[in-house]
């Protein structure tokens, strides 16, 4: 239990947007504390309720009328000579790229026991299903519902038509070797990161900790996609039925 948290804490309330929620998940996942996420930001894709509904939400919590949804997290490590130099938890994604993000890099990547592959791109993203609606989606990856036990690897602006998003089991560890002579930048969930030198490798695997979200009603992922991203909304009028002669 991190300093400042009592072991008797039953839940935490997070006020903010998605960035605040991501940061709170990294800090509290190891405590096994479920989070009630309250949107005071812009998108609020990861939030459960709004500030003007907080009083009602707390009443439901105190009445024990809620469920807890678990989301897979990643353990991300920078390793040199088998020594871990830096590590963090990730709920959305790990991104590795050149600084600035304007030039091609080569990455040698191992997924589980499969043969190492070479990818030439401006960067690479390793995403969870939760992160599939974030940077991974902007980079051309598919949306993955949170209950599917997979991860996805996405090249950023790949320099080959053969390099496309790869979806694989969440049980497969991943190692990324920067085949590049210059220092790279790694970001985790958009608000934590470090530099990665040519002598380093990035090691990612499913974390033993999960993000735990309090749900006040049954989760409806497609509804969230529709409300936040406009998925499935009609953009043109449907053709009127025509009676054939």
C-alpha atoms as a PDB file:
ATOM      1  CA  UNK A   1       0.000   0.000   0.000  1.00  0.00           C
ATOM      2  CA  UNK A   2       1.559   3.350  -1.055  1.00  0.00           C
ATOM      3  CA  UNK A   3       2.295   5.956   1.597  1.00  0.00           C
ATOM      4  CA  UNK A   4      -0.785   7.909   2.614  1.00  0.00           C
ATOM      5  CA  UNK A   5      -3.384   5.225   1.890  1.00  0.00           C
ATOM      6  CA  UNK A   6      -5.147   3.389   4.672  1.00  0.00           C
ATOM      7  CA  UNK A   7      -5.639  -0.335   4.052  1.00  0.00           C
ATOM      8  CA  UNK A   8      -9.315   0.085   4.986  1.00  0.00           C
ATOM      9  CA  UNK A   9     -10.044   2.392   2.016  1.00  0.00           C
ATOM     10  CA  UNK A  10     -12.965   0.853   0.103  1.00  0.00           C
ATOM     11  CA  UNK A  11     -12.987   3.152  -2.928  1.00  0.00           C
ATOM     12  CA  UNK A  12     -11.487   6.366  -4.302  1.00  0.00           C
ATOM     13  CA  UNK A  13     -13.172   9.215  -6.175  1.00  0.00           C
ATOM     14  CA  UNK A  14     -11.295  10.669  -9.146  1.00  0.00           C
ATOM     15  CA  UNK A  15     -12.294  14.141 -10.355  1.00  0.00           C
ATOM     16  CA  UNK A  16     -11.013  15.147 -13.781  1.00  0.00           C
ATOM     17  CA  UNK A  17     -10.730  14.021 -17.361  1.00  0.00           C
ATOM     18  CA  UNK A  18      -9.228  10.946 -18.986  1.00  0.00           C
ATOM     19  CA  UNK A  19      -5.642  12.036 -18.257  1.00  0.00           C
ATOM     20  CA  UNK A  20      -6.407  12.297 -14.546  1.00  0.00           C
ATOM     21  CA  UNK A  21      -8.089   8.883 -14.603  1.00  0.00           C
ATOM     22  CA  UNK A  22      -5.075   7.299 -16.313  1.00  0.00           C
ATOM     23  CA  UNK A  23      -2.728   8.789 -13.724  1.00  0.00           C
ATOM     24  CA  UNK A  24      -4.935   7.624 -10.835  1.00  0.00           C
ATOM     25  CA  UNK A  25      -5.055   4.083 -12.236  1.00  0.00           C
ATOM     26  CA  UNK A  26      -1.265   3.891 -12.367  1.00  0.00           C
ATOM     27  CA  UNK A  27      -1.030   5.093  -8.763  1.00  0.00           C
ATOM     28  CA  UNK A  28      -3.804   2.975  -7.237  1.00  0.00           C
ATOM     29  CA  UNK A  29      -3.853  -0.277  -9.212  1.00  0.00           C
ATOM     30  CA  UNK A  30      -1.385  -1.916  -6.833  1.00  0.00           C
ATOM     31  CA  UNK A  31      -3.680  -0.972  -3.915  1.00  0.00           C
ATOM     32  CA  UNK A  32      -6.616  -2.887  -5.418  1.00  0.00           C
ATOM     33  CA  UNK A  33      -8.826   0.156  -4.762  1.00  0.00           C
ATOM     34  CA  UNK A  34     -11.832   0.613  -7.093  1.00  0.00           C
ATOM     35  CA  UNK A  35     -12.287   4.074  -8.589  1.00  0.00           C
ATOM     36  CA  UNK A  36     -15.404   6.156  -9.072  1.00  0.00           C
ATOM     37  CA  UNK A  37     -14.438   8.381 -11.988  1.00  0.00           C
ATOM     38  CA  UNK A  38     -16.195  11.761 -12.258  1.00  0.00           C
ATOM     39  CA  UNK A  39     -15.910  13.769 -15.448  1.00  0.00           C
ATOM     40  CA  UNK A  40     -14.887  17.403 -15.014  1.00  0.00           C
ATOM     41  CA  UNK A  41     -12.876  17.469 -18.250  1.00  0.00           C
ATOM     42  CA  UNK A  42     -13.653  17.358 -21.968  1.00  0.00           C
ATOM     43  CA  UNK A  43     -13.947  13.853 -23.450  1.00  0.00           C
ATOM     44  CA  UNK A  44     -14.367  11.761 -20.318  1.00  0.00           C
ATOM     45  CA  UNK A  45     -14.242   8.463 -22.199  1.00  0.00           C
ATOM     46  CA  UNK A  46     -13.104   6.620 -19.073  1.00  0.00           C
ATOM     47  CA  UNK A  47     -15.407   8.370 -16.609  1.00  0.00           C
ATOM     48  CA  UNK A  48     -18.557   6.939 -15.053  1.00  0.00           C
ATOM     49  CA  UNK A  49     -20.556   9.993 -14.003  1.00  0.00           C
ATOM     50  CA  UNK A  50     -20.628  13.795 -14.029  1.00  0.00           C
ATOM     51  CA  UNK A  51     -19.973  16.278 -11.231  1.00  0.00           C
ATOM     52  CA  UNK A  52     -23.628  17.332 -10.990  1.00  0.00           C
ATOM     53  CA  UNK A  53     -24.560  13.676 -10.363  1.00  0.00           C
ATOM     54  CA  UNK A  54     -21.889  13.073  -7.717  1.00  0.00           C
ATOM     55  CA  UNK A  55     -24.261  13.233  -4.748  1.00  0.00           C
ATOM     56  CA  UNK A  56     -26.512  10.526  -6.221  1.00  0.00           C
ATOM     57  CA  UNK A  57     -23.466   8.432  -7.105  1.00  0.00           C
ATOM     58  CA  UNK A  58     -22.173   8.572  -3.531  1.00  0.00           C
ATOM     59  CA  UNK A  59     -25.596   7.474  -2.247  1.00  0.00           C
ATOM     60  CA  UNK A  60     -25.382   4.402  -4.511  1.00  0.00           C
ATOM     61  CA  UNK A  61     -21.866   3.686  -3.285  1.00  0.00           C
ATOM     62  CA  UNK A  62     -22.855   3.900   0.377  1.00  0.00           C
ATOM     63  CA  UNK A  63     -25.832   1.631  -0.342  1.00  0.00           C
ATOM     64  CA  UNK A  64     -23.416  -0.858  -1.953  1.00  0.00           C
ATOM     65  CA  UNK A  65     -25.373  -0.620  -5.212  1.00  0.00           C
ATOM     66  CA  UNK A  66     -22.587  -0.887  -7.732  1.00  0.00           C
ATOM     67  CA  UNK A  67     -20.330  -3.345  -9.538  1.00  0.00           C
ATOM     68  CA  UNK A  68     -16.604  -3.282 -10.243  1.00  0.00           C
ATOM     69  CA  UNK A  69     -15.257  -3.691 -13.770  1.00  0.00           C
ATOM     70  CA  UNK A  70     -11.613  -4.706 -14.179  1.00  0.00           C
ATOM     71  CA  UNK A  71      -9.490  -3.549 -17.114  1.00  0.00           C
ATOM     72  CA  UNK A  72      -6.165  -5.108 -18.072  1.00  0.00           C
ATOM     73  CA  UNK A  73      -3.022  -3.025 -17.532  1.00  0.00           C
ATOM     74  CA  UNK A  74       0.497  -3.341 -18.925  1.00  0.00           C
ATOM     75  CA  UNK A  75       3.811  -3.450 -17.129  1.00  0.00           C
ATOM     76  CA  UNK A  76       6.292  -1.386 -19.172  1.00  0.00           C
ATOM     77  CA  UNK A  77      10.020  -1.574 -18.459  1.00  0.00           C
ATOM     78  CA  UNK A  78      13.160  -0.122 -19.987  1.00  0.00           C
ATOM     79  CA  UNK A  79      15.969  -2.666 -19.591  1.00  0.00           C
ATOM     80  CA  UNK A  80      19.725  -2.425 -20.171  1.00  0.00           C
ATOM     81  CA  UNK A  81      22.031  -5.396 -19.543  1.00  0.00           C
ATOM     82  CA  UNK A  82      19.167  -7.128 -17.658  1.00  0.00           C
ATOM     83  CA  UNK A  83      18.868  -4.168 -15.269  1.00  0.00           C
ATOM     84  CA  UNK A  84      15.493  -2.394 -15.114  1.00  0.00           C
ATOM     85  CA  UNK A  85      16.177   1.330 -15.535  1.00  0.00           C
ATOM     86  CA  UNK A  86      12.585   2.572 -15.585  1.00  0.00           C
ATOM     87  CA  UNK A  87       9.142   1.034 -15.238  1.00  0.00           C
ATOM     88  CA  UNK A  88       5.499   2.038 -15.096  1.00  0.00           C
ATOM     89  CA  UNK A  89       1.993   0.676 -15.330  1.00  0.00           C
ATOM     90  CA  UNK A  90      -0.115   1.503 -18.367  1.00  0.00           C
ATOM     91  CA  UNK A  91      -3.865   1.356 -18.897  1.00  0.00           C
ATOM     92  CA  UNK A  92      -3.993   2.757 -22.435  1.00  0.00           C
ATOM     93  CA  UNK A  93      -0.775   2.367 -24.365  1.00  0.00           C
ATOM     94  CA  UNK A  94       2.983   2.548 -24.660  1.00  0.00           C
ATOM     95  CA  UNK A  95       4.337   4.706 -27.506  1.00  0.00           C
ATOM     96  CA  UNK A  96       7.965   4.623 -28.695  1.00  0.00           C
ATOM     97  CA  UNK A  97       9.143   7.166 -31.272  1.00  0.00           C
ATOM     98  CA  UNK A  98      11.902   9.464 -32.437  1.00  0.00           C
ATOM     99  CA  UNK A  99      12.153  13.005 -31.087  1.00  0.00           C
ATOM    100  CA  UNK A 100      10.759  14.978 -32.789  1.00  0.00           C
ATOM    101  CA  UNK A 101       8.203  12.694 -34.406  1.00  0.00           C
ATOM    102  CA  UNK A 102       9.302  13.465 -37.957  1.00  0.00           C
ATOM    103  CA  UNK A 103      11.642  10.688 -39.059  1.00  0.00           C
ATOM    104  CA  UNK A 104      11.685   6.988 -39.757  1.00  0.00           C
ATOM    105  CA  UNK A 105      12.979   4.525 -37.184  1.00  0.00           C
ATOM    106  CA  UNK A 106      13.645   0.808 -37.322  1.00  0.00           C
ATOM    107  CA  UNK A 107      12.293  -1.430 -34.579  1.00  0.00           C
ATOM    108  CA  UNK A 108      13.024  -5.110 -34.036  1.00  0.00           C
ATOM    109  CA  UNK A 109      10.089  -6.627 -32.164  1.00  0.00           C
ATOM    110  CA  UNK A 110       9.539 -10.018 -30.514  1.00  0.00           C
ATOM    111  CA  UNK A 111       6.020 -11.112 -29.593  1.00  0.00           C
ATOM    112  CA  UNK A 112       6.122 -14.128 -27.276  1.00  0.00           C
ATOM    113  CA  UNK A 113       8.156 -16.962 -28.784  1.00  0.00           C
ATOM    114  CA  UNK A 114       7.541 -15.846 -32.354  1.00  0.00           C
ATOM    115  CA  UNK A 115      10.363 -14.855 -34.685  1.00  0.00           C
ATOM    116  CA  UNK A 116      11.666 -11.310 -34.371  1.00  0.00           C
ATOM    117  CA  UNK A 117      10.247  -8.914 -36.981  1.00  0.00           C
ATOM    118  CA  UNK A 118      11.558  -5.616 -38.344  1.00  0.00           C
ATOM    119  CA  UNK A 119       9.262  -2.606 -38.623  1.00  0.00           C
ATOM    120  CA  UNK A 120      10.207   0.686 -40.254  1.00  0.00           C
ATOM    121  CA  UNK A 121       7.921   3.486 -39.069  1.00  0.00           C
ATOM    122  CA  UNK A 122       7.832   6.846 -37.318  1.00  0.00           C
ATOM    123  CA  UNK A 123       7.039   4.973 -34.095  1.00  0.00           C
ATOM    124  CA  UNK A 124       5.141   2.043 -32.613  1.00  0.00           C
ATOM    125  CA  UNK A 125       2.167   1.778 -30.263  1.00  0.00           C
ATOM    126  CA  UNK A 126       1.415  -1.161 -27.990  1.00  0.00           C
ATOM    127  CA  UNK A 127      -2.173  -0.828 -26.790  1.00  0.00           C
ATOM    128  CA  UNK A 128      -4.646  -2.533 -24.488  1.00  0.00           C
ATOM    129  CA  UNK A 129      -8.345  -2.834 -25.433  1.00  0.00           C
ATOM    130  CA  UNK A 130      -8.977   0.239 -23.257  1.00  0.00           C
ATOM    131  CA  UNK A 131      -6.382   2.143 -25.269  1.00  0.00           C
ATOM    132  CA  UNK A 132      -7.852   1.017 -28.591  1.00  0.00           C
ATOM    133  CA  UNK A 133     -10.098   4.109 -28.577  1.00  0.00           C
ATOM    134  CA  UNK A 134      -7.193   6.495 -27.904  1.00  0.00           C
ATOM    135  CA  UNK A 135      -3.938   7.018 -29.867  1.00  0.00           C
ATOM    136  CA  UNK A 136      -4.222   3.522 -31.368  1.00  0.00           C
ATOM    137  CA  UNK A 137      -7.506   4.472 -33.026  1.00  0.00           C
ATOM    138  CA  UNK A 138      -5.994   7.654 -34.484  1.00  0.00           C
ATOM    139  CA  UNK A 139      -3.115   5.562 -35.874  1.00  0.00           C
ATOM    140  CA  UNK A 140      -5.537   3.283 -37.748  1.00  0.00           C
ATOM    141  CA  UNK A 141      -5.985   0.446 -35.273  1.00  0.00           C
ATOM    142  CA  UNK A 142      -9.304  -1.318 -34.639  1.00  0.00           C
ATOM    143  CA  UNK A 143     -11.633  -0.642 -31.731  1.00  0.00           C
ATOM    144  CA  UNK A 144     -11.518  -3.589 -29.313  1.00  0.00           C
ATOM    145  CA  UNK A 145     -14.208  -4.128 -26.699  1.00  0.00           C
ATOM    146  CA  UNK A 146     -12.789  -4.159 -23.141  1.00  0.00           C
ATOM    147  CA  UNK A 147     -13.695  -7.807 -22.478  1.00  0.00           C
ATOM    148  CA  UNK A 148     -11.525  -9.230 -25.294  1.00  0.00           C
ATOM    149  CA  UNK A 149      -8.226 -10.572 -23.844  1.00  0.00           C
ATOM    150  CA  UNK A 150      -5.856  -9.208 -26.501  1.00  0.00           C
ATOM    151  CA  UNK A 151      -3.241  -6.524 -27.099  1.00  0.00           C
ATOM    152  CA  UNK A 152      -2.441  -4.733 -30.332  1.00  0.00           C
ATOM    153  CA  UNK A 153       0.771  -3.496 -31.935  1.00  0.00           C
ATOM    154  CA  UNK A 154       0.437  -0.579 -34.363  1.00  0.00           C
ATOM    155  CA  UNK A 155       3.156   1.069 -36.471  1.00  0.00           C
ATOM    156  CA  UNK A 156       2.848   4.861 -36.668  1.00  0.00           C
ATOM    157  CA  UNK A 157       3.036   5.959 -40.320  1.00  0.00           C
ATOM    158  CA  UNK A 158       4.617   2.680 -41.429  1.00  0.00           C
ATOM    159  CA  UNK A 159       7.015   2.832 -44.358  1.00  0.00           C
ATOM    160  CA  UNK A 160       5.718  -0.410 -45.845  1.00  0.00           C
ATOM    161  CA  UNK A 161       2.297  -1.500 -47.055  1.00  0.00           C
ATOM    162  CA  UNK A 162       2.964  -4.813 -45.306  1.00  0.00           C
ATOM    163  CA  UNK A 163       3.216  -3.250 -41.829  1.00  0.00           C
ATOM    164  CA  UNK A 164      -0.252  -3.123 -40.335  1.00  0.00           C
ATOM    165  CA  UNK A 165      -1.826  -3.419 -36.889  1.00  0.00           C
ATOM    166  CA  UNK A 166      -1.312  -6.798 -35.239  1.00  0.00           C
ATOM    167  CA  UNK A 167      -3.728  -8.167 -32.614  1.00  0.00           C
ATOM    168  CA  UNK A 168      -2.485 -10.994 -30.366  1.00  0.00           C
ATOM    169  CA  UNK A 169      -3.119 -12.661 -27.013  1.00  0.00           C
ATOM    170  CA  UNK A 170      -2.630 -10.578 -23.876  1.00  0.00           C
ATOM    171  CA  UNK A 171      -0.565 -13.448 -22.431  1.00  0.00           C
ATOM    172  CA  UNK A 172       2.229 -12.840 -24.966  1.00  0.00           C
ATOM    173  CA  UNK A 173       5.096 -10.672 -23.656  1.00  0.00           C
ATOM    174  CA  UNK A 174       6.637  -8.169 -26.058  1.00  0.00           C
ATOM    175  CA  UNK A 175      10.210  -6.918 -26.389  1.00  0.00           C
ATOM    176  CA  UNK A 176      11.121  -3.966 -28.589  1.00  0.00           C
ATOM    177  CA  UNK A 177      14.725  -3.380 -29.657  1.00  0.00           C
ATOM    178  CA  UNK A 178      15.368   0.080 -31.133  1.00  0.00           C
ATOM    179  CA  UNK A 179      17.482  -0.586 -34.224  1.00  0.00           C
ATOM    180  CA  UNK A 180      18.358   3.081 -34.360  1.00  0.00           C
ATOM    181  CA  UNK A 181      21.516   5.064 -33.677  1.00  0.00           C
ATOM    182  CA  UNK A 182      19.779   7.929 -31.864  1.00  0.00           C
ATOM    183  CA  UNK A 183      17.935   8.262 -28.566  1.00  0.00           C
ATOM    184  CA  UNK A 184      14.183   7.582 -28.702  1.00  0.00           C
ATOM    185  CA  UNK A 185      11.304   8.787 -26.525  1.00  0.00           C
ATOM    186  CA  UNK A 186       8.838   6.483 -24.790  1.00  0.00           C
ATOM    187  CA  UNK A 187       5.488   7.705 -23.467  1.00  0.00           C
ATOM    188  CA  UNK A 188       3.054   5.752 -21.301  1.00  0.00           C
ATOM    189  CA  UNK A 189      -0.596   6.820 -21.293  1.00  0.00           C
ATOM    190  CA  UNK A 190       0.396  10.219 -22.633  1.00  0.00           C
ATOM    191  CA  UNK A 191       1.642  11.584 -19.301  1.00  0.00           C
ATOM    192  CA  UNK A 192       4.643   9.549 -18.150  1.00  0.00           C
ATOM    193  CA  UNK A 193       7.760   8.520 -19.977  1.00  0.00           C
ATOM    194  CA  UNK A 194      11.509   8.422 -20.428  1.00  0.00           C
ATOM    195  CA  UNK A 195      14.289   8.318 -23.000  1.00  0.00           C
ATOM    196  CA  UNK A 196      15.366   5.027 -24.563  1.00  0.00           C
ATOM    197  CA  UNK A 197      18.954   4.690 -25.810  1.00  0.00           C
ATOM    198  CA  UNK A 198      20.147   2.346 -28.595  1.00  0.00           C
ATOM    199  CA  UNK A 199      21.556   0.027 -25.888  1.00  0.00           C
ATOM    200  CA  UNK A 200      18.158  -0.356 -24.207  1.00  0.00           C
ATOM    201  CA  UNK A 201      15.174  -2.538 -24.913  1.00  0.00           C
ATOM    202  CA  UNK A 202      11.548  -2.051 -23.930  1.00  0.00           C
ATOM    203  CA  UNK A 203       9.838  -4.992 -22.252  1.00  0.00           C
ATOM    204  CA  UNK A 204       6.040  -5.113 -21.973  1.00  0.00           C
ATOM    205  CA  UNK A 205       3.742  -7.732 -20.501  1.00  0.00           C
ATOM    206  CA  UNK A 206       0.324  -7.988 -18.890  1.00  0.00           C
ATOM    207  CA  UNK A 207       0.492  -6.624 -15.360  1.00  0.00           C
ATOM    208  CA  UNK A 208      -0.621  -8.622 -12.345  1.00  0.00           C
ATOM    209  CA  UNK A 209      -2.559  -5.486 -11.356  1.00  0.00           C
ATOM    210  CA  UNK A 210      -5.801  -4.414 -12.989  1.00  0.00           C
ATOM    211  CA  UNK A 211      -7.546  -1.063 -13.158  1.00  0.00           C
ATOM    212  CA  UNK A 212     -10.792  -1.355 -11.170  1.00  0.00           C
ATOM    213  CA  UNK A 213     -13.683   0.905 -12.145  1.00  0.00           C
ATOM    214  CA  UNK A 214     -16.887   1.365 -10.184  1.00  0.00           C
ATOM    215  CA  UNK A 215     -19.946   0.973 -12.420  1.00  0.00           C
ATOM    216  CA  UNK A 216     -23.255   2.396 -11.218  1.00  0.00           C
ATOM    217  CA  UNK A 217     -25.151   0.695 -14.044  1.00  0.00           C
ATOM    218  CA  UNK A 218     -24.459  -2.093 -16.521  1.00  0.00           C
ATOM    219  CA  UNK A 219     -21.599  -1.007 -18.845  1.00  0.00           C
ATOM    220  CA  UNK A 220     -22.741  -0.361 -22.431  1.00  0.00           C
ATOM    221  CA  UNK A 221     -19.594   0.044 -24.523  1.00  0.00           C
ATOM    222  CA  UNK A 222     -21.329   0.689 -27.855  1.00  0.00           C
ATOM    223  CA  UNK A 223     -23.363   3.475 -26.247  1.00  0.00           C
ATOM    224  CA  UNK A 224     -20.132   5.125 -25.083  1.00  0.00           C
ATOM    225  CA  UNK A 225     -18.672   4.788 -28.581  1.00  0.00           C
ATOM    226  CA  UNK A 226     -21.775   6.428 -29.988  1.00  0.00           C
ATOM    227  CA  UNK A 227     -21.873   9.290 -27.466  1.00  0.00           C
ATOM    228  CA  UNK A 228     -18.146  10.071 -27.344  1.00  0.00           C
ATOM    229  CA  UNK A 229     -16.900   9.187 -30.838  1.00  0.00           C
ATOM    230  CA  UNK A 230     -20.057   9.211 -32.959  1.00  0.00           C
ATOM    231  CA  UNK A 231     -19.679   5.530 -33.884  1.00  0.00           C
ATOM    232  CA  UNK A 232     -22.778   4.072 -35.535  1.00  0.00           C
ATOM    233  CA  UNK A 233     -24.625   7.365 -35.898  1.00  0.00           C
ATOM    234  CA  UNK A 234     -26.353   7.882 -39.241  1.00  0.00           C
ATOM    235  CA  UNK A 235     -24.504  10.534 -41.262  1.00  0.00           C
ATOM    236  CA  UNK A 236     -26.821  10.446 -44.263  1.00  0.00           C
ATOM    237  CA  UNK A 237     -30.548   9.928 -44.594  1.00  0.00           C
ATOM    238  CA  UNK A 238     -31.581   6.314 -45.046  1.00  0.00           C
ATOM    239  CA  UNK A 239     -33.223   5.646 -48.408  1.00  0.00           C
ATOM    240  CA  UNK A 240     -36.994   5.630 -48.263  1.00  0.00           C
ATOM    241  CA  UNK A 241     -38.644   2.310 -48.986  1.00  0.00           C
ATOM    242  CA  UNK A 242     -39.699   2.052 -52.591  1.00  0.00           C
ATOM    243  CA  UNK A 243     -42.651  -0.074 -53.591  1.00  0.00           C
ATOM    244  CA  UNK A 244     -41.695  -2.170 -56.602  1.00  0.00           C
ATOM    245  CA  UNK A 245     -44.253  -2.603 -59.388  1.00  0.00           C
END
